[in-house]
PDB file of all heavy atoms in Angstrom:
ATOM      1  N   ASP A   1      78.807 104.630  51.604  1.00  0.00           N
ATOM      2  CA  ASP A   1      77.902 104.171  52.617  1.00  0.00           C
ATOM      3  C   ASP A   1      76.522 104.195  52.212  1.00  0.00           C
ATOM      4  O   ASP A   1      75.840 103.090  52.386  1.00  0.00           O
ATOM      5  CB  ASP A   1      78.043 105.021  53.942  1.00  0.00           C
ATOM      6  CG  ASP A   1      79.362 104.821  54.562  1.00  0.00           C
ATOM      7  OD1 ASP A   1      80.164 103.887  54.264  1.00  0.00           O
ATOM      8  OD2 ASP A   1      79.732 105.694  55.588  1.00  0.00           O
ATOM      9  N   LYS A   2      76.004 105.199  51.534  1.00  0.00           N
ATOM     10  CA  LYS A   2      74.636 105.322  51.144  1.00  0.00           C
ATOM     11  C   LYS A   2      74.237 104.320  50.190  1.00  0.00           C
ATOM     12  O   LYS A   2      73.118 103.719  50.145  1.00  0.00           O
ATOM     13  CB  LYS A   2      74.406 106.612  50.487  1.00  0.00           C
ATOM     14  CG  LYS A   2      72.992 107.011  50.157  1.00  0.00           C
ATOM     15  CD  LYS A   2      72.700 108.376  49.638  1.00  0.00           C
ATOM     16  CE  LYS A   2      71.323 108.645  49.182  1.00  0.00           C
ATOM     17  NZ  LYS A   2      71.070 109.993  48.766  1.00  0.00           N
ATOM     18  N   PHE A   3      75.223 103.986  49.170  1.00  0.00           N
ATOM     19  CA  PHE A   3      74.896 103.099  48.048  1.00  0.00           C
ATOM     20  C   PHE A   3      75.544 101.713  48.251  1.00  0.00           C
ATOM     21  O   PHE A   3      75.651 100.973  47.383  1.00  0.00           O
ATOM     22  CB  PHE A   3      75.342 103.814  46.729  1.00  0.00           C
ATOM     23  CG  PHE A   3      74.452 104.906  46.330  1.00  0.00           C
ATOM     24  CD1 PHE A   3      74.881 106.178  46.542  1.00  0.00           C
ATOM     25  CD2 PHE A   3      73.198 104.677  45.776  1.00  0.00           C
ATOM     26  CE1 PHE A   3      74.043 107.312  46.211  1.00  0.00           C
ATOM     27  CE2 PHE A   3      72.363 105.787  45.403  1.00  0.00           C
ATOM     28  CZ  PHE A   3      72.848 107.024  45.663  1.00  0.00           C
ATOM     29  N   GLU A   4      76.077 101.537  49.543  1.00  0.00           N
ATOM     30  CA  GLU A   4      76.653 100.211  49.930  1.00  0.00           C
ATOM     31  C   GLU A   4      77.788  99.737  48.915  1.00  0.00           C
ATOM     32  O   GLU A   4      77.752  98.800  48.379  1.00  0.00           O
ATOM     33  CB  GLU A   4      75.494  99.145  50.012  1.00  0.00           C
ATOM     34  CG  GLU A   4      74.497  99.425  51.040  1.00  0.00           C
ATOM     35  CD  GLU A   4      73.409  98.473  51.057  1.00  0.00           C
ATOM     36  OE1 GLU A   4      73.203  97.642  50.096  1.00  0.00           O
ATOM     37  OE2 GLU A   4      72.740  98.328  51.983  1.00  0.00           O
ATOM     38  N   LYS A   5      78.649 100.858  48.741  1.00  0.00           N
ATOM     39  CA  LYS A   5      79.851 100.417  47.901  1.00  0.00           C
ATOM     40  C   LYS A   5      81.076 100.286  48.834  1.00  0.00           C
ATOM     41  O   LYS A   5      81.115 100.945  49.952  1.00  0.00           O
ATOM     42  CB  LYS A   5      80.125 101.692  47.069  1.00  0.00           C
ATOM     43  CG  LYS A   5      79.035 101.931  45.963  1.00  0.00           C
ATOM     44  CD  LYS A   5      78.961 100.974  44.862  1.00  0.00           C
ATOM     45  CE  LYS A   5      77.977 101.228  43.816  1.00  0.00           C
ATOM     46  NZ  LYS A   5      77.830 100.268  42.751  1.00  0.00           N
ATOM     47  N   PRO A   6      82.056  99.502  48.604  1.00  0.00           N
ATOM     48  CA  PRO A   6      83.212  99.308  49.302  1.00  0.00           C
ATOM     49  C   PRO A   6      83.954 100.576  49.468  1.00  0.00           C
ATOM     50  O   PRO A   6      84.031 101.354  48.515  1.00  0.00           O
ATOM     51  CB  PRO A   6      83.969  98.289  48.542  1.00  0.00           C
ATOM     52  CG  PRO A   6      83.575  98.251  47.180  1.00  0.00           C
ATOM     53  CD  PRO A   6      82.084  98.699  47.395  1.00  0.00           C
ATOM     54  N   TYR A   7      84.498 100.941  50.640  1.00  0.00           N
ATOM     55  CA  TYR A   7      85.201 102.249  50.825  1.00  0.00           C
ATOM     56  C   TYR A   7      86.518 101.885  51.564  1.00  0.00           C
ATOM     57  O   TYR A   7      86.422 101.247  52.623  1.00  0.00           O
ATOM     58  CB  TYR A   7      84.280 103.146  51.580  1.00  0.00           C
ATOM     59  CG  TYR A   7      85.046 104.386  52.173  1.00  0.00           C
ATOM     60  CD1 TYR A   7      85.393 105.493  51.199  1.00  0.00           C
ATOM     61  CD2 TYR A   7      85.567 104.638  53.419  1.00  0.00           C
ATOM     62  CE1 TYR A   7      86.095 106.470  51.586  1.00  0.00           C
ATOM     63  CE2 TYR A   7      86.340 105.784  53.758  1.00  0.00           C
ATOM     64  CZ  TYR A   7      86.491 106.656  52.922  1.00  0.00           C
ATOM     65  OH  TYR A   7      87.243 107.653  53.323  1.00  0.00           O
ATOM     66  N   SER A   8      87.586 102.362  50.997  1.00  0.00           N
ATOM     67  CA  SER A   8      88.814 102.328  51.708  1.00  0.00           C
ATOM     68  C   SER A   8      89.420 103.738  51.749  1.00  0.00           C
ATOM     69  O   SER A   8      89.680 104.418  50.725  1.00  0.00           O
ATOM     70  CB  SER A   8      89.865 101.392  50.946  1.00  0.00           C
ATOM     71  OG  SER A   8      91.064 101.400  51.615  1.00  0.00           O
ATOM     72  N   GLU A   9      89.611 104.281  53.035  1.00  0.00           N
ATOM     73  CA  GLU A   9      90.006 105.689  53.185  1.00  0.00           C
ATOM     74  C   GLU A   9      91.267 105.892  52.363  1.00  0.00           C
ATOM     75  O   GLU A   9      92.409 105.147  52.699  1.00  0.00           O
ATOM     76  CB  GLU A   9      90.209 105.968  54.592  1.00  0.00           C
ATOM     77  CG  GLU A   9      90.416 107.510  54.875  1.00  0.00           C
ATOM     78  CD  GLU A   9      90.600 107.880  56.245  1.00  0.00           C
ATOM     79  OE1 GLU A   9      90.415 107.076  57.159  1.00  0.00           O
ATOM     80  OE2 GLU A   9      90.673 109.108  56.585  1.00  0.00           O
ATOM     81  N   ILE A  10      91.366 107.039  51.830  1.00  0.00           N
ATOM     82  CA  ILE A  10      92.766 107.538  51.287  1.00  0.00           C
ATOM     83  C   ILE A  10      93.233 108.647  52.210  1.00  0.00           C
ATOM     84  O   ILE A  10      92.772 109.768  52.224  1.00  0.00           O
ATOM     85  CB  ILE A  10      92.625 108.075  49.804  1.00  0.00           C
ATOM     86  CG1 ILE A  10      91.936 107.031  48.920  1.00  0.00           C
ATOM     87  CG2 ILE A  10      93.877 108.629  49.300  1.00  0.00           C
ATOM     88  CD1 ILE A  10      91.648 107.382  47.479  1.00  0.00           C
ATOM     89  N   THR A  11      94.066 108.331  53.105  1.00  0.00           N
ATOM     90  CA  THR A  11      94.578 109.248  54.039  1.00  0.00           C
ATOM     91  C   THR A  11      95.705 110.165  53.442  1.00  0.00           C
ATOM     92  O   THR A  11      96.284 109.832  52.486  1.00  0.00           O
ATOM     93  CB  THR A  11      95.124 108.585  55.332  1.00  0.00           C
ATOM     94  OG1 THR A  11      96.361 107.922  55.005  1.00  0.00           O
ATOM     95  CG2 THR A  11      94.131 107.477  55.920  1.00  0.00           C
ATOM     96  N   ASP A  12      95.985 111.132  54.233  1.00  0.00           N
ATOM     97  CA  ASP A  12      97.030 112.039  53.805  1.00  0.00           C
ATOM     98  C   ASP A  12      98.486 111.479  53.943  1.00  0.00           C
ATOM     99  O   ASP A  12      99.390 112.058  53.679  1.00  0.00           O
ATOM    100  CB  ASP A  12      97.011 113.452  54.403  1.00  0.00           C
ATOM    101  CG  ASP A  12      97.064 113.344  55.905  1.00  0.00           C
ATOM    102  OD1 ASP A  12      97.376 112.224  56.502  1.00  0.00           O
ATOM    103  OD2 ASP A  12      96.840 114.303  56.539  1.00  0.00           O
ATOM    104  N   LYS A  13      98.431 110.111  54.454  1.00  0.00           N
ATOM    105  CA  LYS A  13      99.711 109.475  54.519  1.00  0.00           C
ATOM    106  C   LYS A  13     100.011 108.656  53.226  1.00  0.00           C
ATOM    107  O   LYS A  13     101.116 108.191  53.104  1.00  0.00           O
ATOM    108  CB  LYS A  13      99.703 108.535  55.735  1.00  0.00           C
ATOM    109  CG  LYS A  13      99.288 109.072  57.083  1.00  0.00           C
ATOM    110  CD  LYS A  13     100.478 110.052  57.394  1.00  0.00           C
ATOM    111  CE  LYS A  13     100.265 110.473  59.014  1.00  0.00           C
ATOM    112  NZ  LYS A  13      99.996 111.914  59.032  1.00  0.00           N
ATOM    113  N   VAL A  14      99.038 108.493  52.418  1.00  0.00           N
ATOM    114  CA  VAL A  14      99.197 107.708  51.158  1.00  0.00           C
ATOM    115  C   VAL A  14      99.892 108.689  50.082  1.00  0.00           C
ATOM    116  O   VAL A  14      99.604 109.875  49.912  1.00  0.00           O
ATOM    117  CB  VAL A  14      97.900 107.362  50.604  1.00  0.00           C
ATOM    118  CG1 VAL A  14      97.887 106.865  49.183  1.00  0.00           C
ATOM    119  CG2 VAL A  14      96.944 106.507  51.583  1.00  0.00           C
ATOM    120  N   GLU A  15     100.871 108.094  49.445  1.00  0.00           N
ATOM    121  CA  GLU A  15     101.570 108.803  48.368  1.00  0.00           C
ATOM    122  C   GLU A  15     100.508 109.307  47.308  1.00  0.00           C
ATOM    123  O   GLU A  15      99.688 108.627  46.902  1.00  0.00           O
ATOM    124  CB  GLU A  15     102.600 107.990  47.665  1.00  0.00           C
ATOM    125  CG  GLU A  15     103.533 108.648  46.733  1.00  0.00           C
ATOM    126  CD  GLU A  15     104.512 107.720  45.982  1.00  0.00           C
ATOM    127  OE1 GLU A  15     104.547 106.576  46.311  1.00  0.00           O
ATOM    128  OE2 GLU A  15     105.338 108.277  45.187  1.00  0.00           O
ATOM    129  N   ASP A  16     100.840 110.631  46.994  1.00  0.00           N
ATOM    130  CA  ASP A  16      99.943 111.230  46.093  1.00  0.00           C
ATOM    131  C   ASP A  16      98.397 111.149  46.467  1.00  0.00           C
ATOM    132  O   ASP A  16      97.549 111.074  45.497  1.00  0.00           O
ATOM    133  CB  ASP A  16     100.112 110.657  44.693  1.00  0.00           C
ATOM    134  CG  ASP A  16      99.735 111.540  43.401  1.00  0.00           C
ATOM    135  OD1 ASP A  16      99.649 112.779  43.635  1.00  0.00           O
ATOM    136  OD2 ASP A  16      99.478 110.977  42.368  1.00  0.00           O
ATOM    137  N   PHE A  17      98.110 111.349  47.598  1.00  0.00           N
ATOM    138  CA  PHE A  17      96.809 111.168  48.188  1.00  0.00           C
ATOM    139  C   PHE A  17      95.787 112.227  47.467  1.00  0.00           C
ATOM    140  O   PHE A  17      94.618 111.787  47.324  1.00  0.00           O
ATOM    141  CB  PHE A  17      96.740 111.346  49.578  1.00  0.00           C
ATOM    142  CG  PHE A  17      97.105 112.789  50.195  1.00  0.00           C
ATOM    143  CD1 PHE A  17      96.129 113.706  50.285  1.00  0.00           C
ATOM    144  CD2 PHE A  17      98.386 113.129  50.601  1.00  0.00           C
ATOM    145  CE1 PHE A  17      96.450 114.995  50.835  1.00  0.00           C
ATOM    146  CE2 PHE A  17      98.686 114.333  50.977  1.00  0.00           C
ATOM    147  CZ  PHE A  17      97.618 115.253  51.139  1.00  0.00           C
ATOM    148  N   ARG A  18      96.127 113.398  47.251  1.00  0.00           N
ATOM    149  CA  ARG A  18      95.288 114.316  46.631  1.00  0.00           C
ATOM    150  C   ARG A  18      94.654 113.922  45.335  1.00  0.00           C
ATOM    151  O   ARG A  18      93.543 113.952  45.053  1.00  0.00           O
ATOM    152  CB  ARG A  18      95.934 115.666  46.584  1.00  0.00           C
ATOM    153  CG  ARG A  18      95.092 116.866  45.818  1.00  0.00           C
ATOM    154  CD  ARG A  18      95.793 118.174  46.008  1.00  0.00           C
ATOM    155  NE  ARG A  18      95.008 119.260  45.076  1.00  0.00           N
ATOM    156  CZ  ARG A  18      93.853 119.806  45.391  1.00  0.00           C
ATOM    157  NH1 ARG A  18      93.248 119.600  46.651  1.00  0.00           N
ATOM    158  NH2 ARG A  18      93.311 120.753  44.676  1.00  0.00           N
ATOM    159  N   ALA A  19      95.554 113.528  44.412  1.00  0.00           N
ATOM    160  CA  ALA A  19      95.158 112.992  43.067  1.00  0.00           C
ATOM    161  C   ALA A  19      94.371 111.704  43.235  1.00  0.00           C
ATOM    162  O   ALA A  19      93.245 111.718  42.552  1.00  0.00           O
ATOM    163  CB  ALA A  19      96.452 112.819  42.167  1.00  0.00           C
ATOM    164  N   LYS A  20      94.726 110.870  44.051  1.00  0.00           N
ATOM    165  CA  LYS A  20      93.986 109.614  44.232  1.00  0.00           C
ATOM    166  C   LYS A  20      92.575 109.834  44.902  1.00  0.00           C
ATOM    167  O   LYS A  20      91.707 109.131  44.370  1.00  0.00           O
ATOM    168  CB  LYS A  20      94.861 108.697  45.085  1.00  0.00           C
ATOM    169  CG  LYS A  20      96.018 108.182  44.377  1.00  0.00           C
ATOM    170  CD  LYS A  20      96.874 107.237  45.198  1.00  0.00           C
ATOM    171  CE  LYS A  20      98.136 106.704  44.434  1.00  0.00           C
ATOM    172  NZ  LYS A  20      98.928 105.825  45.330  1.00  0.00           N
ATOM    173  N   ARG A  21      92.447 110.708  45.736  1.00  0.00           N
ATOM    174  CA  ARG A  21      91.250 111.049  46.255  1.00  0.00           C
ATOM    175  C   ARG A  21      90.181 111.675  45.117  1.00  0.00           C
ATOM    176  O   ARG A  21      89.063 111.200  45.028  1.00  0.00           O
ATOM    177  CB  ARG A  21      91.298 112.135  47.313  1.00  0.00           C
ATOM    178  CG  ARG A  21      91.766 111.617  48.681  1.00  0.00           C
ATOM    179  CD  ARG A  21      91.999 112.780  49.639  1.00  0.00           C
ATOM    180  NE  ARG A  21      92.332 112.429  50.936  1.00  0.00           N
ATOM    181  CZ  ARG A  21      92.708 113.153  52.071  1.00  0.00           C
ATOM    182  NH1 ARG A  21      92.775 114.494  51.867  1.00  0.00           N
ATOM    183  NH2 ARG A  21      92.982 112.678  53.150  1.00  0.00           N
ATOM    184  N   ILE A  22      90.864 112.508  44.382  1.00  0.00           N
ATOM    185  CA  ILE A  22      89.919 113.053  43.346  1.00  0.00           C
ATOM    186  C   ILE A  22      89.623 112.023  42.279  1.00  0.00           C
ATOM    187  O   ILE A  22      88.458 111.941  41.846  1.00  0.00           O
ATOM    188  CB  ILE A  22      90.663 114.304  42.606  1.00  0.00           C
ATOM    189  CG1 ILE A  22      90.718 115.407  43.608  1.00  0.00           C
ATOM    190  CG2 ILE A  22      90.097 114.743  41.309  1.00  0.00           C
ATOM    191  CD1 ILE A  22      91.689 116.613  43.251  1.00  0.00           C
ATOM    192  N   THR A  23      90.604 111.226  41.734  1.00  0.00           N
ATOM    193  CA  THR A  23      90.251 110.113  40.834  1.00  0.00           C
ATOM    194  C   THR A  23      89.179 109.160  41.416  1.00  0.00           C
ATOM    195  O   THR A  23      88.193 108.966  40.700  1.00  0.00           O
ATOM    196  CB  THR A  23      91.520 109.305  40.569  1.00  0.00           C
ATOM    197  OG1 THR A  23      92.570 110.174  40.159  1.00  0.00           O
ATOM    198  CG2 THR A  23      91.113 108.151  39.518  1.00  0.00           C
ATOM    199  N   SER A  24      89.352 108.787  42.635  1.00  0.00           N
ATOM    200  CA  SER A  24      88.307 107.854  43.168  1.00  0.00           C
ATOM    201  C   SER A  24      86.919 108.438  43.327  1.00  0.00           C
ATOM    202  O   SER A  24      85.923 107.850  43.152  1.00  0.00           O
ATOM    203  CB  SER A  24      88.737 107.365  44.559  1.00  0.00           C
ATOM    204  OG  SER A  24      90.058 106.687  44.523  1.00  0.00           O
TER     205      SER A  24
END
């Protein structure tokens, strides 16, 4: 939001969400 970058939430319903959150 601060740097006006596109954001798509990685919810806990996404497969392998923990790893994907960290990578992103």
